[in-house]
Amino acid sequence: MHFSLTLALALSASVLGAPAPAVDSSSSVVADPSTTISSSKTNIPSSTTDSSHPSPTVPYASGDLNESYLDKFQNELPQPVRGSKGAKILGPQNIPLDRQNPDFLASPSTDNGAVSNVKWPFSLSHNRVQDGGWARQQNVHSMPIATTMAGVNMRLKAGALRCTGISLQSGPMFWSCRVVVVNSEGQNYIADVYPGDLWYFPPGIPHVIQGLNDTADGCEFLLVFDDGEFSEDSTFSATEWMAHVPKELWMLPSAVPTGSAKEQGVKSPQGVSTLPYTFAASKANSTKLPGGTVKVVDSRTFEVSKTIALAEVTVEVGGMRELHWHPTQPEWSYFIEGEARITVFAAQGNARTFNYQAGDIGYVPPSFGHYVENIGNTTLKFLEIFNSDKYEDISLNQWLALTPPDMVKAHLQLSDDTISKLQKVKPIVV
């Protein structure tokens, strides 16, 4: 069984490595082997000597700024050169692709080791084009690390139907559509959804999605599933089951509904579903933060959504989603607007930096530390989606702020001034 939640977001409308040591009078000093002074005398430790000075277990972080080359590469020929390292390309080059991925071509000095690919653009997915619209997908076949979640980007013309499915779940992203659901108790539910709104269909619950024309010619939406192996091509279809019709009819051209959802609804003797399958997230308030906004939707606000939770995040120019990780569930990200840079830290010294644009998908396994930096000249907007009933994250800033300062100082050798600036409340976006 698969679950999915889809998000309606208008195209034009709103809806570390270890830090270098700081030396002060109260912190320990770690000797740099390259500056150790040799002596002709051998020092023999006495039985009363204190424990030796701490030494780093991993190399200190580079002091290089590692700034983004996104703007630089738009104005000149991209080259794999950062500072004194690297060399110009002499052979063939895909310049547009290099300009979109500056941190792949000229990677930051903090990148190290191996990290699986955690980026997939929907633009590289095969598109199934039909009379009523189109659909393209991402699953483990396109991004193997994303074993627990998959996504489908679908478009329906006005009036077109996403034929009743029984094994998928979903919700809209652009423009408007109508959803109809019938549960196992014989209760039905019908509602219209608009940009910024969500829907959720539990496993095995039959439903229909139809494009409307009150805001545009149909709708486009994002489907998210709790199974990395999910394939839109193998979705259970009632029409296929009943008549073995060609799969071309999964998206049925149809007349545009003339009445409202309430007028079109069929009265069930079992009544209307006690839990709504849609949520007007477009009308919910976002939390204003120092560097942007965040809006969280999970089972605490959308009760029926038991296996999908999400956060809609905006990051202003020059801001970033703070250093954090998610303790138990991977993050499946979808980028809606702007330009982003993410460094994923996978432990054991492995770290890699990726660039994202609108229409790209990201995936960060649980407990992998990361940040999301806005490296563009416009507001960055993206979704963090989880296979869970509740949204959870751990803030590095808050963790250190709520840990005894002496422990933080001994472990990271931060100065008293730096420690005093740590925040006991998650900043989230700075």
Protein backbone atom coordinates (compact mmCIF):
# COMPACT_ATOMS: atom_id res chain seq x y z
CA MET A 1 0.00 0.00 0.00
CA HIS A 2 1.16 3.51 -0.68
CA PHE A 3 0.33 6.83 0.92
CA SER A 4 0.67 10.22 -0.64
CA LEU A 5 0.13 13.83 0.15
CA THR A 6 0.04 16.49 -2.51
CA LEU A 7 0.63 20.16 -2.10
CA ALA A 8 -0.93 23.04 -3.97
CA LEU A 9 1.42 25.95 -4.39
CA ALA A 10 0.81 28.62 -7.01
CA LEU A 11 3.50 29.33 -9.56
CA SER A 12 3.21 33.08 -9.14
CA ALA A 13 1.07 33.57 -6.05
CA SER A 14 2.09 33.12 -2.45
CA VAL A 15 0.60 30.79 -0.71
CA LEU A 16 30.07 21.78 9.51
CA GLY A 17 32.65 20.46 9.82
CA ALA A 18 34.19 21.13 13.20
CA PRO A 19 34.91 24.84 13.59
CA ALA A 20 38.46 26.09 13.79
CA PRO A 21 39.54 26.40 17.42
CA ALA A 22 39.21 29.72 19.16
CA VAL A 23 41.84 30.25 21.81
CA ASP A 24 41.06 32.15 24.98
CA SER A 25 42.25 32.10 28.56
CA SER A 26 39.75 29.48 29.62
CA SER A 27 39.94 27.00 26.77
CA SER A 28 42.34 24.16 26.13
CA VAL A 29 44.88 24.56 23.37
CA VAL A 30 45.36 21.82 20.79
CA ALA A 31 48.89 21.62 19.49
CA ASP A 32 49.26 21.71 15.73
CA PRO A 33 51.81 19.02 14.79
CA SER A 34 53.23 21.30 12.09
CA THR A 35 54.21 23.91 14.69
CA THR A 36 55.48 21.60 17.44
CA ILE A 37 58.88 22.75 18.75
CA SER A 38 61.42 19.98 19.06
CA SER A 39 63.82 19.83 22.00
CA SER A 40 67.10 18.08 22.60
CA LYS A 41 65.83 17.08 26.00
CA THR A 42 63.33 14.32 26.59
CA ASN A 43 60.50 15.19 28.92
CA ILE A 44 59.62 12.30 31.20
CA PRO A 45 56.12 12.68 32.64
CA SER A 46 55.86 12.39 36.40
CA SER A 47 53.28 10.30 38.16
CA THR A 48 51.43 13.48 39.15
CA THR A 49 51.21 15.07 35.70
CA ASP A 50 47.68 16.02 34.58
CA SER A 51 46.14 14.29 31.57
CA SER A 52 47.58 15.37 28.25
CA HIS A 53 46.04 18.14 26.18
CA PRO A 54 43.17 16.97 23.95
CA SER A 55 43.99 16.35 20.33
CA PRO A 56 41.60 16.45 17.37
CA THR A 57 40.10 13.17 16.21
CA VAL A 58 39.48 14.62 12.74
CA PRO A 59 41.19 17.44 10.83
CA TYR A 60 39.98 20.93 11.62
CA ALA A 61 37.59 22.53 9.16
CA SER A 62 39.11 24.49 6.33
CA GLY A 63 39.38 28.22 6.79
CA ASP A 64 38.39 28.76 3.15
CA LEU A 65 35.19 30.75 2.63
CA ASN A 66 33.97 28.32 -0.07
CA GLU A 67 31.53 30.90 -1.41
CA SER A 68 28.99 29.94 -4.04
CA TYR A 69 30.10 30.26 -7.67
CA LEU A 70 26.52 30.39 -8.98
CA ASP A 71 26.67 34.04 -10.07
CA LYS A 72 30.32 33.77 -11.13
CA PHE A 73 29.55 30.90 -13.51
CA GLN A 74 26.59 32.72 -15.07
CA ASN A 75 28.91 35.49 -16.23
CA GLU A 76 31.92 33.47 -17.34
CA LEU A 77 32.85 30.02 -18.61
CA PRO A 78 32.48 27.57 -15.68
CA GLN A 79 35.75 25.89 -14.75
CA PRO A 80 36.70 23.31 -12.07
CA VAL A 81 39.00 25.78 -10.34
CA ARG A 82 38.71 26.95 -6.74
CA GLY A 83 41.54 29.11 -5.49
CA SER A 84 44.86 27.53 -6.43
CA LYS A 85 43.33 24.08 -6.93
CA GLY A 86 41.98 22.53 -10.09
CA ALA A 87 42.58 23.26 -13.77
CA LYS A 88 40.61 24.39 -16.81
CA ILE A 89 38.63 21.93 -18.91
CA LEU A 90 40.31 21.19 -22.25
CA GLY A 91 37.73 18.76 -23.64
CA PRO A 92 33.96 18.95 -24.31
CA GLN A 93 31.77 20.65 -21.70
CA ASN A 94 28.02 20.84 -20.98
CA ILE A 95 28.03 24.51 -20.00
CA PRO A 96 24.32 24.88 -19.03
CA LEU A 97 24.59 21.88 -16.70
CA ASP A 98 27.83 23.13 -15.15
CA ARG A 99 26.21 26.51 -14.51
CA GLN A 100 23.35 24.84 -12.67
CA ASN A 101 25.72 22.77 -10.52
CA PRO A 102 28.69 24.98 -9.57
CA ASP A 103 29.44 23.01 -6.40
CA PHE A 104 29.78 19.80 -8.40
CA LEU A 105 32.18 21.36 -10.88
CA ALA A 106 34.25 23.36 -8.35
CA SER A 107 33.52 21.58 -5.09
CA PRO A 108 34.09 23.29 -1.72
CA SER A 109 37.23 22.28 0.17
CA THR A 110 34.99 20.92 2.94
CA ASP A 111 33.64 18.17 0.66
CA ASN A 112 35.28 14.82 1.31
CA GLY A 113 34.84 11.11 0.71
CA ALA A 114 31.74 9.63 -0.90
CA VAL A 115 28.05 10.50 -0.51
CA SER A 116 25.37 8.93 -2.70
CA ASN A 117 23.57 11.19 -5.14
CA VAL A 118 20.74 13.03 -3.35
CA LYS A 119 19.44 15.11 -6.25
CA TRP A 120 17.04 14.35 -9.09
CA PRO A 121 15.42 16.91 -11.42
CA PHE A 122 11.93 16.07 -12.67
CA SER A 123 13.18 17.49 -15.99
CA LEU A 124 15.23 14.29 -16.43
CA SER A 125 12.26 11.98 -15.74
CA HIS A 126 10.46 10.34 -18.65
CA ASN A 127 7.08 12.03 -19.19
CA ARG A 128 4.01 9.90 -20.02
CA VAL A 129 1.90 12.17 -22.24
CA GLN A 130 -1.82 11.37 -22.64
CA ASP A 131 -5.05 12.99 -23.86
CA GLY A 132 -5.98 14.34 -20.43
CA GLY A 133 -2.54 15.47 -19.30
CA TRP A 134 0.85 14.00 -18.38
CA ALA A 135 2.78 12.41 -15.52
CA ARG A 136 6.46 11.96 -14.66
CA GLN A 137 7.96 10.25 -11.63
CA GLN A 138 10.99 9.78 -9.38
CA ASN A 139 11.69 6.54 -7.54
CA VAL A 140 14.67 4.33 -6.64
CA HIS A 141 15.37 3.73 -10.32
CA SER A 142 16.29 7.40 -10.75
CA MET A 143 17.66 8.11 -7.25
CA PRO A 144 18.66 4.78 -5.60
CA ILE A 145 19.29 6.26 -2.13
CA ALA A 146 15.61 7.30 -1.83
CA THR A 147 14.39 3.89 -0.69
CA THR A 148 11.49 5.03 1.49
CA MET A 149 9.76 7.71 -0.61
CA ALA A 150 8.90 8.47 -4.24
CA GLY A 151 7.17 11.28 -6.09
CA VAL A 152 5.01 11.94 -9.15
CA ASN A 153 4.46 15.29 -10.88
CA MET A 154 1.08 15.18 -12.70
CA ARG A 155 -0.92 17.55 -14.91
CA LEU A 156 -4.66 17.30 -15.66
CA LYS A 157 -6.47 19.46 -18.19
CA ALA A 158 -9.70 21.14 -17.08
CA GLY A 159 -12.34 18.42 -16.76
CA ALA A 160 -9.81 15.59 -17.08
CA LEU A 161 -10.05 12.82 -14.49
CA ARG A 162 -7.32 10.94 -12.67
CA CYS A 163 -9.18 7.65 -12.88
CA THR A 164 -10.16 6.12 -9.56
CA GLY A 165 -7.10 4.61 -7.94
CA ILE A 166 -7.10 2.24 -4.99
CA SER A 167 -3.43 2.00 -4.07
CA LEU A 168 -2.25 5.60 -4.31
CA GLN A 169 -2.68 8.76 -2.28
CA SER A 170 -2.00 12.41 -3.18
CA GLY A 171 -2.72 16.35 -3.27
CA PRO A 172 -2.46 19.66 -5.66
CA MET A 173 0.33 22.05 -6.33
CA PHE A 174 -0.73 24.52 -9.02
CA TRP A 175 -4.22 25.79 -9.87
CA SER A 176 -7.36 23.90 -8.76
CA CYS A 177 -8.97 20.48 -8.78
CA ARG A 178 -11.82 18.51 -7.20
CA VAL A 179 -11.30 15.35 -5.17
CA VAL A 180 -13.88 12.68 -4.36
CA VAL A 181 -13.25 9.96 -1.76
CA VAL A 182 -15.33 7.00 -0.52
CA ASN A 183 -14.13 5.14 2.58
CA SER A 184 -14.71 1.57 3.75
CA GLU A 185 -17.74 2.66 5.81
CA GLY A 186 -19.48 3.91 2.68
CA GLN A 187 -19.04 7.53 3.75
CA ASN A 188 -18.10 9.92 0.97
CA TYR A 189 -16.21 13.19 0.80
CA ILE A 190 -15.95 15.81 -1.94
CA ALA A 191 -13.95 19.04 -1.90
CA ASP A 192 -12.22 21.57 -4.13
CA VAL A 193 -8.56 22.31 -3.47
CA TYR A 194 -6.50 25.33 -4.49
CA PRO A 195 -2.86 26.47 -4.62
CA GLY A 196 -1.22 25.85 -1.25
CA ASP A 197 -3.81 23.26 -0.13
CA LEU A 198 -3.19 19.58 0.61
CA TRP A 199 -4.95 16.26 0.42
CA TYR A 200 -4.21 12.84 1.86
CA PHE A 201 -5.66 9.48 0.84
CA PRO A 202 -5.08 6.56 3.26
CA PRO A 203 -4.11 3.16 1.80
CA GLY A 204 -6.74 1.37 -0.25
CA ILE A 205 -9.24 4.24 -0.21
CA PRO A 206 -10.72 4.84 -3.71
CA HIS A 207 -10.67 8.41 -4.99
CA VAL A 208 -10.97 10.56 -8.10
CA ILE A 209 -9.12 13.78 -8.99
CA GLN A 210 -10.58 16.15 -11.60
CA GLY A 211 -9.11 19.35 -13.01
CA LEU A 212 -11.21 22.52 -12.71
CA ASN A 213 -11.15 25.71 -14.79
CA ASP A 214 -12.02 28.39 -12.24
CA THR A 215 -8.38 29.53 -11.88
CA ALA A 216 -6.69 28.02 -14.96
CA ASP A 217 -6.94 25.20 -17.48
CA GLY A 218 -6.94 22.30 -15.03
CA CYS A 219 -4.34 21.56 -12.39
CA GLU A 220 -0.82 20.32 -11.75
CA PHE A 221 0.13 18.55 -8.55
CA LEU A 222 2.81 16.67 -6.68
CA LEU A 223 2.15 13.16 -5.37
CA VAL A 224 4.38 11.81 -2.61
CA PHE A 225 4.41 8.10 -1.68
CA ASP A 226 5.83 6.23 1.30
CA ASP A 227 7.55 3.62 -0.89
CA GLY A 228 10.69 4.28 -2.91
CA GLU A 229 9.74 1.47 -5.32
CA PHE A 230 6.40 3.08 -6.22
CA SER A 231 5.68 3.33 -9.94
CA GLU A 232 2.90 5.44 -11.42
CA ASP A 233 2.81 2.98 -14.32
CA SER A 234 1.63 0.17 -12.01
CA THR A 235 -1.07 2.08 -10.11
CA PHE A 236 -4.26 0.08 -9.52
CA SER A 237 -6.97 1.50 -11.81
CA ALA A 238 -10.68 0.71 -11.52
CA THR A 239 -11.18 1.09 -15.26
CA GLU A 240 -8.36 -1.34 -15.99
CA TRP A 241 -9.72 -3.80 -13.47
CA MET A 242 -13.30 -3.69 -14.72
CA ALA A 243 -12.75 -3.60 -18.45
CA HIS A 244 -9.05 -4.14 -19.11
CA VAL A 245 -9.03 -0.90 -21.06
CA PRO A 246 -5.74 0.53 -22.35
CA LYS A 247 -3.74 2.45 -19.77
CA GLU A 248 -4.25 5.52 -21.97
CA LEU A 249 -7.53 5.92 -20.08
CA TRP A 250 -5.92 6.43 -16.70
CA MET A 251 -6.37 10.13 -17.44
CA LEU A 252 -9.85 10.52 -18.92
CA PRO A 253 -10.85 13.62 -20.88
CA SER A 254 -14.17 14.81 -19.46
CA ALA A 255 -16.44 17.83 -19.24
CA VAL A 256 -15.59 20.50 -16.71
CA PRO A 257 -17.87 20.32 -13.62
CA THR A 258 -20.54 23.04 -13.77
CA GLY A 259 -21.60 23.07 -10.13
CA SER A 260 -19.83 23.46 -6.82
CA ALA A 261 -18.45 20.49 -4.88
CA LYS A 262 -21.46 20.66 -2.57
CA GLU A 263 -23.91 20.73 -5.49
CA GLN A 264 -22.19 17.86 -7.31
CA GLY A 265 -21.82 15.62 -4.27
CA VAL A 266 -23.85 12.42 -3.98
CA LYS A 267 -25.70 12.00 -0.69
CA SER A 268 -24.60 8.78 1.03
CA PRO A 269 -26.94 6.98 3.45
CA GLN A 270 -23.82 6.37 5.55
CA GLY A 271 -23.15 10.10 5.70
CA VAL A 272 -20.04 12.20 5.11
CA SER A 273 -16.59 11.12 6.29
CA THR A 274 -15.95 12.26 9.85
CA LEU A 275 -12.36 13.18 8.94
CA PRO A 276 -11.68 15.57 6.04
CA TYR A 277 -9.27 14.30 3.39
CA THR A 278 -8.21 17.83 2.41
CA PHE A 279 -6.56 20.63 4.36
CA ALA A 280 -6.65 24.32 3.44
CA ALA A 281 -2.96 24.88 4.13
CA SER A 282 -3.08 28.00 1.94
CA LYS A 283 -5.12 29.67 4.69
CA ALA A 284 -2.87 28.54 7.56
CA ASN A 285 -0.41 31.07 8.95
CA SER A 286 3.33 30.66 8.50
CA THR A 287 5.72 31.29 11.38
CA LYS A 288 7.92 34.31 10.72
CA LEU A 289 11.61 33.66 11.40
CA PRO A 290 14.79 35.78 11.23
CA GLY A 291 15.66 34.54 7.73
CA GLY A 292 12.31 33.46 6.30
CA THR A 293 9.21 31.47 7.25
CA VAL A 294 8.08 27.93 8.04
CA LYS A 295 4.67 26.26 7.95
CA VAL A 296 4.34 22.73 9.39
CA VAL A 297 1.46 20.37 8.54
CA ASP A 298 1.24 16.94 10.17
CA SER A 299 -1.32 14.79 12.02
CA ARG A 300 -1.54 17.41 14.78
CA THR A 301 -3.20 19.82 12.36
CA PHE A 302 -4.36 17.46 9.56
CA GLU A 303 -5.56 14.45 11.54
CA VAL A 304 -6.05 11.98 8.70
CA SER A 305 -2.44 12.37 7.53
CA LYS A 306 -0.86 9.52 9.50
CA THR A 307 2.17 8.74 7.35
CA ILE A 308 3.07 12.04 5.71
CA ALA A 309 4.27 15.21 7.46
CA LEU A 310 5.74 18.30 5.86
CA ALA A 311 7.15 21.77 6.31
CA GLU A 312 6.88 24.54 3.75
CA VAL A 313 10.00 26.69 4.11
CA THR A 314 10.99 30.04 2.62
CA VAL A 315 14.51 31.46 2.91
CA GLU A 316 15.24 35.09 2.12
CA VAL A 317 18.21 36.17 0.00
CA GLY A 318 21.40 35.60 1.98
CA GLY A 319 19.65 33.35 4.51
CA MET A 320 19.78 29.65 5.27
CA ARG A 321 17.84 26.81 6.84
CA GLU A 322 20.04 26.24 9.87
CA LEU A 323 22.37 23.27 10.47
CA HIS A 324 20.10 20.43 11.56
CA TRP A 325 19.13 16.80 11.07
CA HIS A 326 16.05 14.61 11.33
CA PRO A 327 16.36 11.86 13.95
CA THR A 328 14.29 8.98 12.56
CA GLN A 329 12.97 9.69 9.06
CA PRO A 330 14.59 10.72 5.76
CA GLU A 331 13.73 14.09 4.27
CA TRP A 332 12.27 14.11 0.75
CA SER A 333 12.57 17.68 -0.50
CA TYR A 334 10.92 19.47 -3.40
CA PHE A 335 12.18 22.85 -4.59
CA ILE A 336 9.55 25.30 -5.85
CA GLU A 337 11.39 28.60 -6.31
CA GLY A 338 14.94 29.92 -6.15
CA GLU A 339 18.46 28.50 -5.99
CA ALA A 340 19.76 26.37 -3.11
CA ARG A 341 22.98 24.81 -1.91
CA ILE A 342 23.02 21.87 0.52
CA THR A 343 25.99 20.11 2.07
CA VAL A 344 25.10 16.64 3.37
CA PHE A 345 27.34 15.24 6.12
CA ALA A 346 27.21 11.43 6.23
CA ALA A 347 29.64 10.81 9.16
CA GLN A 348 33.11 9.20 8.95
CA GLY A 349 34.38 12.33 7.23
CA ASN A 350 32.05 12.00 4.23
CA ALA A 351 30.42 15.20 3.00
CA ARG A 352 29.23 16.48 -0.36
CA THR A 353 27.60 19.68 -1.62
CA PHE A 354 24.67 19.75 -4.06
CA ASN A 355 22.86 22.55 -5.92
CA TYR A 356 19.08 22.68 -6.42
CA GLN A 357 16.70 24.67 -8.62
CA ALA A 358 12.91 24.79 -9.04
CA GLY A 359 11.57 21.33 -9.97
CA ASP A 360 14.43 19.44 -8.31
CA ILE A 361 14.02 16.70 -5.70
CA GLY A 362 16.37 16.20 -2.76
CA TYR A 363 16.73 13.33 -0.30
CA VAL A 364 18.58 13.36 3.04
CA PRO A 365 18.75 10.11 5.08
CA PRO A 366 17.91 10.25 8.81
CA SER A 367 20.61 11.67 11.11
CA PHE A 368 22.60 13.13 8.19
CA GLY A 369 23.53 16.70 9.16
CA HIS A 370 22.73 19.35 6.56
CA TYR A 371 21.73 22.96 5.90
CA VAL A 372 19.88 24.66 3.03
CA GLU A 373 21.46 27.91 1.84
CA ASN A 374 19.79 30.42 -0.46
CA ILE A 375 22.50 31.23 -3.00
CA GLY A 376 20.20 32.99 -5.47
CA ASN A 377 18.92 36.53 -5.84
CA THR A 378 15.27 35.72 -5.05
CA THR A 379 13.39 34.04 -2.20
CA LEU A 380 14.01 30.29 -1.93
CA LYS A 381 10.91 28.13 -1.38
CA PHE A 382 10.90 24.39 -0.81
CA LEU A 383 9.10 21.54 0.95
CA GLU A 384 10.51 19.12 3.52
CA ILE A 385 8.37 15.94 3.44
CA PHE A 386 8.58 12.93 5.77
CA ASN A 387 7.10 9.45 6.04
CA SER A 388 5.80 10.12 9.54
CA ASP A 389 2.78 11.36 11.45
CA LYS A 390 4.80 14.15 13.07
CA TYR A 391 7.41 16.61 11.85
CA GLU A 392 10.69 16.41 13.80
CA ASP A 393 14.13 17.99 13.54
CA ILE A 394 17.17 18.56 15.75
CA SER A 395 18.86 21.97 15.70
CA LEU A 396 22.65 21.93 16.10
CA ASN A 397 22.48 25.47 17.49
CA GLN A 398 19.85 24.58 20.10
CA TRP A 399 21.58 21.32 21.04
CA LEU A 400 24.83 23.13 21.84
CA ALA A 401 22.99 25.94 23.65
CA LEU A 402 21.26 23.46 25.96
CA THR A 403 24.46 21.50 26.69
CA PRO A 404 26.68 22.64 29.61
CA PRO A 405 29.11 25.26 28.24
CA ASP A 406 32.19 23.50 29.65
CA MET A 407 31.31 20.39 27.64
CA VAL A 408 30.84 22.40 24.46
CA LYS A 409 34.11 24.24 25.05
CA ALA A 410 36.06 21.05 25.73
CA HIS A 411 34.62 19.30 22.68
CA LEU A 412 34.66 22.09 20.07
CA GLN A 413 36.98 24.65 21.68
CA LEU A 414 34.52 27.46 21.07
CA SER A 415 35.17 30.78 22.76
CA ASP A 416 32.98 32.04 25.60
CA ASP A 417 31.71 34.77 23.29
CA THR A 418 30.63 32.24 20.64
CA ILE A 419 28.93 30.02 23.22
CA SER A 420 27.02 33.00 24.61
CA LYS A 421 25.47 33.57 21.16
CA LEU A 422 24.03 30.03 20.86
CA GLN A 423 20.22 30.00 20.88
CA LYS A 424 18.10 27.91 23.25
CA VAL A 425 15.10 28.24 20.92
CA LYS A 426 15.46 26.81 17.39
CA PRO A 427 16.15 29.61 14.93
CA ILE A 428 15.14 27.26 12.04
CA VAL A 429 15.79 29.85 9.29
CA VAL A 430 18.50 32.48 9.80
